[in-house]
Amino acid sequence: MNKSQTNAQTYRILKIDINGDQQADNEETKDWRFFDEAAANHDGVATSEEIRSFLRSRRN
């Protein structure tokens, strides 16, 4: 997955951001099986940077 694909996938994930806070919380992503892994600090919220970092780590 290249940078463009990572950004596109991050955008698609954040489209589920119901309350518009530029983050995805565990309620908004209840069907996304990688949410807990992407929310790096396990605070119940995955910021766009956490999502990008998670996707970059999965490129390998």
PDB file of N, CA and C in Angstrom:
ATOM      1  N   MET A   1       0.858  -1.168   0.000  1.00  0.00           N
ATOM      2  CA  MET A   1       0.000   0.000   0.000  1.00  0.00           C
ATOM      3  C   MET A   1       0.907   1.236   0.000  1.00  0.00           C
ATOM      4  N   ASN A   2       0.748   2.108  -0.987  1.00  0.00           N
ATOM      5  CA  ASN A   2       1.570   3.310  -1.035  1.00  0.00           C
ATOM      6  C   ASN A   2       0.905   4.454  -0.263  1.00  0.00           C
ATOM      7  N   LYS A   3       1.583   5.590  -0.197  1.00  0.00           N
ATOM      8  CA  LYS A   3       1.089   6.726   0.593  1.00  0.00           C
ATOM      9  C   LYS A   3      -0.281   7.189   0.116  1.00  0.00           C
ATOM     10  N   SER A   4      -0.475   7.231  -1.177  1.00  0.00           N
ATOM     11  CA  SER A   4      -1.763   7.650  -1.722  1.00  0.00           C
ATOM     12  C   SER A   4      -2.881   6.694  -1.303  1.00  0.00           C
ATOM     13  N   GLN A   5      -2.595   5.410  -1.343  1.00  0.00           N
ATOM     14  CA  GLN A   5      -3.593   4.424  -0.935  1.00  0.00           C
ATOM     15  C   GLN A   5      -3.880   4.519   0.560  1.00  0.00           C
ATOM     16  N   THR A   6      -2.820   4.752   1.354  1.00  0.00           N
ATOM     17  CA  THR A   6      -2.994   4.911   2.797  1.00  0.00           C
ATOM     18  C   THR A   6      -3.875   6.109   3.092  1.00  0.00           C
ATOM     19  N   ASN A   7      -3.621   7.247   2.433  1.00  0.00           N
ATOM     20  CA  ASN A   7      -4.432   8.441   2.647  1.00  0.00           C
ATOM     21  C   ASN A   7      -5.876   8.217   2.211  1.00  0.00           C
ATOM     22  N   ALA A   8      -6.071   7.529   1.107  1.00  0.00           N
ATOM     23  CA  ALA A   8      -7.427   7.255   0.624  1.00  0.00           C
ATOM     24  C   ALA A   8      -8.171   6.352   1.605  1.00  0.00           C
ATOM     25  N   GLN A   9      -7.476   5.362   2.131  1.00  0.00           N
ATOM     26  CA  GLN A   9      -8.121   4.455   3.071  1.00  0.00           C
ATOM     27  C   GLN A   9      -8.423   5.186   4.382  1.00  0.00           C
ATOM     28  N   THR A  10      -7.512   6.053   4.829  1.00  0.00           N
ATOM     29  CA  THR A  10      -7.760   6.847   6.031  1.00  0.00           C
ATOM     30  C   THR A  10      -8.996   7.710   5.836  1.00  0.00           C
ATOM     31  N   TYR A  11      -9.111   8.342   4.668  1.00  0.00           N
ATOM     32  CA  TYR A  11     -10.276   9.175   4.372  1.00  0.00           C
ATOM     33  C   TYR A  11     -11.555   8.354   4.428  1.00  0.00           C
ATOM     34  N   ARG A  12     -11.530   7.168   3.825  1.00  0.00           N
ATOM     35  CA  ARG A  12     -12.727   6.316   3.828  1.00  0.00           C
ATOM     36  C   ARG A  12     -13.121   5.929   5.253  1.00  0.00           C
ATOM     37  N   ILE A  13     -12.135   5.632   6.070  1.00  0.00           N
ATOM     38  CA  ILE A  13     -12.431   5.277   7.459  1.00  0.00           C
ATOM     39  C   ILE A  13     -13.025   6.472   8.186  1.00  0.00           C
ATOM     40  N   LEU A  14     -12.460   7.652   7.988  1.00  0.00           N
ATOM     41  CA  LEU A  14     -12.955   8.829   8.698  1.00  0.00           C
ATOM     42  C   LEU A  14     -14.300   9.312   8.175  1.00  0.00           C
ATOM     43  N   LYS A  15     -14.757   8.812   7.029  1.00  0.00           N
ATOM     44  CA  LYS A  15     -16.102   9.156   6.554  1.00  0.00           C
ATOM     45  C   LYS A  15     -17.165   8.642   7.511  1.00  0.00           C
ATOM     46  N   ILE A  16     -16.827   7.663   8.336  1.00  0.00           N
ATOM     47  CA  ILE A  16     -17.781   7.144   9.320  1.00  0.00           C
ATOM     48  C   ILE A  16     -17.800   7.992  10.585  1.00  0.00           C
ATOM     49  N   ASP A  17     -17.034   9.065  10.595  1.00  0.00           N
ATOM     50  CA  ASP A  17     -16.943   9.973  11.737  1.00  0.00           C
ATOM     51  C   ASP A  17     -18.269  10.716  11.894  1.00  0.00           C
ATOM     52  N   ILE A  18     -19.168  10.140  12.657  1.00  0.00           N
ATOM     53  CA  ILE A  18     -20.529  10.644  12.786  1.00  0.00           C
ATOM     54  C   ILE A  18     -20.593  12.041  13.401  1.00  0.00           C
ATOM     55  N   ASN A  19     -19.788  12.291  14.419  1.00  0.00           N
ATOM     56  CA  ASN A  19     -19.874  13.576  15.118  1.00  0.00           C
ATOM     57  C   ASN A  19     -18.921  14.639  14.576  1.00  0.00           C
ATOM     58  N   GLY A  20     -18.151  14.325  13.537  1.00  0.00           N
ATOM     59  CA  GLY A  20     -17.330  15.323  12.857  1.00  0.00           C
ATOM     60  C   GLY A  20     -16.100  15.782  13.613  1.00  0.00           C
ATOM     61  N   ASP A  21     -15.575  14.971  14.532  1.00  0.00           N
ATOM     62  CA  ASP A  21     -14.415  15.404  15.316  1.00  0.00           C
ATOM     63  C   ASP A  21     -13.083  14.951  14.734  1.00  0.00           C
ATOM     64  N   GLN A  22     -13.088  14.472  13.481  1.00  0.00           N
ATOM     65  CA  GLN A  22     -11.891  14.012  12.784  1.00  0.00           C
ATOM     66  C   GLN A  22     -11.222  12.830  13.470  1.00  0.00           C
ATOM     67  N   GLN A  23     -12.008  12.064  14.200  1.00  0.00           N
ATOM     68  CA  GLN A  23     -11.553  10.859  14.868  1.00  0.00           C
ATOM     69  C   GLN A  23     -12.639   9.809  14.707  1.00  0.00           C
ATOM     70  N   ALA A  24     -12.258   8.581  14.851  1.00  0.00           N
ATOM     71  CA  ALA A  24     -13.237   7.505  14.831  1.00  0.00           C
ATOM     72  C   ALA A  24     -13.218   6.859  16.207  1.00  0.00           C
ATOM     73  N   ASP A  25     -14.364   6.810  16.845  1.00  0.00           N
ATOM     74  CA  ASP A  25     -14.394   6.164  18.164  1.00  0.00           C
ATOM     75  C   ASP A  25     -14.952   4.759  18.033  1.00  0.00           C
ATOM     76  N   ASN A  26     -14.901   4.011  19.124  1.00  0.00           N
ATOM     77  CA  ASN A  26     -15.287   2.605  19.041  1.00  0.00           C
ATOM     78  C   ASN A  26     -16.771   2.414  18.736  1.00  0.00           C
ATOM     79  N   GLU A  27     -17.611   3.373  18.997  1.00  0.00           N
ATOM     80  CA  GLU A  27     -19.024   3.266  18.623  1.00  0.00           C
ATOM     81  C   GLU A  27     -19.188   3.450  17.114  1.00  0.00           C
ATOM     82  N   GLU A  28     -18.461   4.412  16.555  1.00  0.00           N
ATOM     83  CA  GLU A  28     -18.546   4.669  15.114  1.00  0.00           C
ATOM     84  C   GLU A  28     -17.923   3.534  14.301  1.00  0.00           C
ATOM     85  N   THR A  29     -17.019   2.800  14.889  1.00  0.00           N
ATOM     86  CA  THR A  29     -16.294   1.757  14.169  1.00  0.00           C
ATOM     87  C   THR A  29     -16.567   0.365  14.715  1.00  0.00           C
ATOM     88  N   LYS A  30     -17.710   0.169  15.292  1.00  0.00           N
ATOM     89  CA  LYS A  30     -17.983  -1.108  15.957  1.00  0.00           C
ATOM     90  C   LYS A  30     -17.854  -2.320  15.042  1.00  0.00           C
ATOM     91  N   ASP A  31     -17.950  -2.126  13.738  1.00  0.00           N
ATOM     92  CA  ASP A  31     -17.802  -3.241  12.808  1.00  0.00           C
ATOM     93  C   ASP A  31     -16.397  -3.330  12.204  1.00  0.00           C
ATOM     94  N   TRP A  32     -15.497  -2.446  12.619  1.00  0.00           N
ATOM     95  CA  TRP A  32     -14.130  -2.459  12.080  1.00  0.00           C
ATOM     96  C   TRP A  32     -13.260  -3.289  13.002  1.00  0.00           C
ATOM     97  N   ARG A  33     -12.859  -4.460  12.562  1.00  0.00           N
ATOM     98  CA  ARG A  33     -12.186  -5.413  13.449  1.00  0.00           C
ATOM     99  C   ARG A  33     -10.796  -4.978  13.891  1.00  0.00           C
ATOM    100  N   PHE A  34     -10.167  -4.024  13.223  1.00  0.00           N
ATOM    101  CA  PHE A  34      -8.829  -3.579  13.593  1.00  0.00           C
ATOM    102  C   PHE A  34      -8.839  -2.329  14.468  1.00  0.00           C
ATOM    103  N   PHE A  35     -10.009  -1.892  14.893  1.00  0.00           N
ATOM    104  CA  PHE A  35     -10.087  -0.625  15.622  1.00  0.00           C
ATOM    105  C   PHE A  35      -9.191  -0.594  16.854  1.00  0.00           C
ATOM    106  N   ASP A  36      -9.259  -1.614  17.694  1.00  0.00           N
ATOM    107  CA  ASP A  36      -8.465  -1.611  18.926  1.00  0.00           C
ATOM    108  C   ASP A  36      -6.975  -1.542  18.636  1.00  0.00           C
ATOM    109  N   GLU A  37      -6.558  -2.176  17.561  1.00  0.00           N
ATOM    110  CA  GLU A  37      -5.153  -2.137  17.176  1.00  0.00           C
ATOM    111  C   GLU A  37      -4.770  -0.752  16.650  1.00  0.00           C
ATOM    112  N   ALA A  38      -5.672  -0.103  15.934  1.00  0.00           N
ATOM    113  CA  ALA A  38      -5.388   1.215  15.364  1.00  0.00           C
ATOM    114  C   ALA A  38      -5.386   2.307  16.426  1.00  0.00           C
ATOM    115  N   ALA A  39      -6.236   2.177  17.421  1.00  0.00           N
ATOM    116  CA  ALA A  39      -6.260   3.160  18.516  1.00  0.00           C
ATOM    117  C   ALA A  39      -5.061   2.866  19.416  1.00  0.00           C
ATOM    118  N   ALA A  40      -3.925   3.364  19.019  1.00  0.00           N
ATOM    119  CA  ALA A  40      -2.638   2.966  19.588  1.00  0.00           C
ATOM    120  C   ALA A  40      -2.557   3.105  21.106  1.00  0.00           C
ATOM    121  N   ASN A  41      -3.142   4.158  21.643  1.00  0.00           N
ATOM    122  CA  ASN A  41      -3.053   4.343  23.098  1.00  0.00           C
ATOM    123  C   ASN A  41      -4.253   3.768  23.834  1.00  0.00           C
ATOM    124  N   HIS A  42      -5.096   3.035  23.116  1.00  0.00           N
ATOM    125  CA  HIS A  42      -6.234   2.296  23.695  1.00  0.00           C
ATOM    126  C   HIS A  42      -7.163   3.187  24.528  1.00  0.00           C
ATOM    127  N   ASP A  43      -7.415   4.380  23.990  1.00  0.00           N
ATOM    128  CA  ASP A  43      -8.313   5.316  24.677  1.00  0.00           C
ATOM    129  C   ASP A  43      -9.727   5.305  24.105  1.00  0.00           C
ATOM    130  N   GLY A  44      -9.999   4.373  23.204  1.00  0.00           N
ATOM    131  CA  GLY A  44     -11.325   4.285  22.610  1.00  0.00           C
ATOM    132  C   GLY A  44     -11.533   5.215  21.444  1.00  0.00           C
ATOM    133  N   VAL A  45     -10.460   5.883  20.993  1.00  0.00           N
ATOM    134  CA  VAL A  45     -10.527   6.816  19.872  1.00  0.00           C
ATOM    135  C   VAL A  45      -9.333   6.560  18.966  1.00  0.00           C
ATOM    136  N   ALA A  46      -9.573   6.512  17.663  1.00  0.00           N
ATOM    137  CA  ALA A  46      -8.495   6.405  16.684  1.00  0.00           C
ATOM    138  C   ALA A  46      -8.439   7.708  15.899  1.00  0.00           C
ATOM    139  N   THR A  47      -7.389   8.476  16.128  1.00  0.00           N
ATOM    140  CA  THR A  47      -7.221   9.728  15.395  1.00  0.00           C
ATOM    141  C   THR A  47      -6.782   9.416  13.969  1.00  0.00           C
ATOM    142  N   SER A  48      -6.861  10.405  13.100  1.00  0.00           N
ATOM    143  CA  SER A  48      -6.436  10.181  11.722  1.00  0.00           C
ATOM    144  C   SER A  48      -4.965   9.777  11.686  1.00  0.00           C
ATOM    145  N   GLU A  49      -4.130  10.346  12.556  1.00  0.00           N
ATOM    146  CA  GLU A  49      -2.713   9.974  12.583  1.00  0.00           C
ATOM    147  C   GLU A  49      -2.530   8.535  13.056  1.00  0.00           C
ATOM    148  N   GLU A  50      -3.285   8.117  14.053  1.00  0.00           N
ATOM    149  CA  GLU A  50      -3.208   6.728  14.514  1.00  0.00           C
ATOM    150  C   GLU A  50      -3.634   5.769  13.407  1.00  0.00           C
ATOM    151  N   ILE A  51      -4.670   6.134  12.674  1.00  0.00           N
ATOM    152  CA  ILE A  51      -5.146   5.284  11.581  1.00  0.00           C
ATOM    153  C   ILE A  51      -4.094   5.204  10.492  1.00  0.00           C
ATOM    154  N   ARG A  52      -3.504   6.362  10.116  1.00  0.00           N
ATOM    155  CA  ARG A  52      -2.446   6.359   9.094  1.00  0.00           C
ATOM    156  C   ARG A  52      -1.273   5.497   9.539  1.00  0.00           C
ATOM    157  N   SER A  53      -0.861   5.657  10.777  1.00  0.00           N
ATOM    158  CA  SER A  53       0.272   4.884  11.303  1.00  0.00           C
ATOM    159  C   SER A  53      -0.046   3.392  11.275  1.00  0.00           C
ATOM    160  N   PHE A  54      -1.239   3.028  11.682  1.00  0.00           N
ATOM    161  CA  PHE A  54      -1.659   1.634  11.659  1.00  0.00           C
ATOM    162  C   PHE A  54      -1.619   1.083  10.231  1.00  0.00           C
ATOM    163  N   LEU A  55      -2.151   1.830   9.283  1.00  0.00           N
ATOM    164  CA  LEU A  55      -2.179   1.364   7.892  1.00  0.00           C
ATOM    165  C   LEU A  55      -0.774   1.241   7.330  1.00  0.00           C
ATOM    166  N   ARG A  56       0.113   2.204   7.671  1.00  0.00           N
ATOM    167  CA  ARG A  56       1.501   2.113   7.209  1.00  0.00           C
ATOM    168  C   ARG A  56       2.164   0.861   7.761  1.00  0.00           C
ATOM    169  N   SER A  57       1.888   0.532   9.011  1.00  0.00           N
ATOM    170  CA  SER A  57       2.521  -0.640   9.623  1.00  0.00           C
ATOM    171  C   SER A  57       2.041  -1.934   8.978  1.00  0.00           C
ATOM    172  N   ARG A  58       0.878  -1.918   8.381  1.00  0.00           N
ATOM    173  CA  ARG A  58       0.318  -3.120   7.764  1.00  0.00           C
ATOM    174  C   ARG A  58       0.765  -3.274   6.307  1.00  0.00           C
ATOM    175  N   ARG A  59       1.478  -2.294   5.784  1.00  0.00           N
ATOM    176  CA  ARG A  59       1.957  -2.379   4.390  1.00  0.00           C
ATOM    177  C   ARG A  59       2.922  -3.534   4.206  1.00  0.00           C
ATOM    178  N   ASN A  60       3.664  -3.850   5.239  1.00  0.00           N
ATOM    179  CA  ASN A  60       4.729  -4.856   5.127  1.00  0.00           C
ATOM    180  C   ASN A  60       4.230  -6.244   5.120  1.00  0.00           C
TER     181      ASN A  60
END
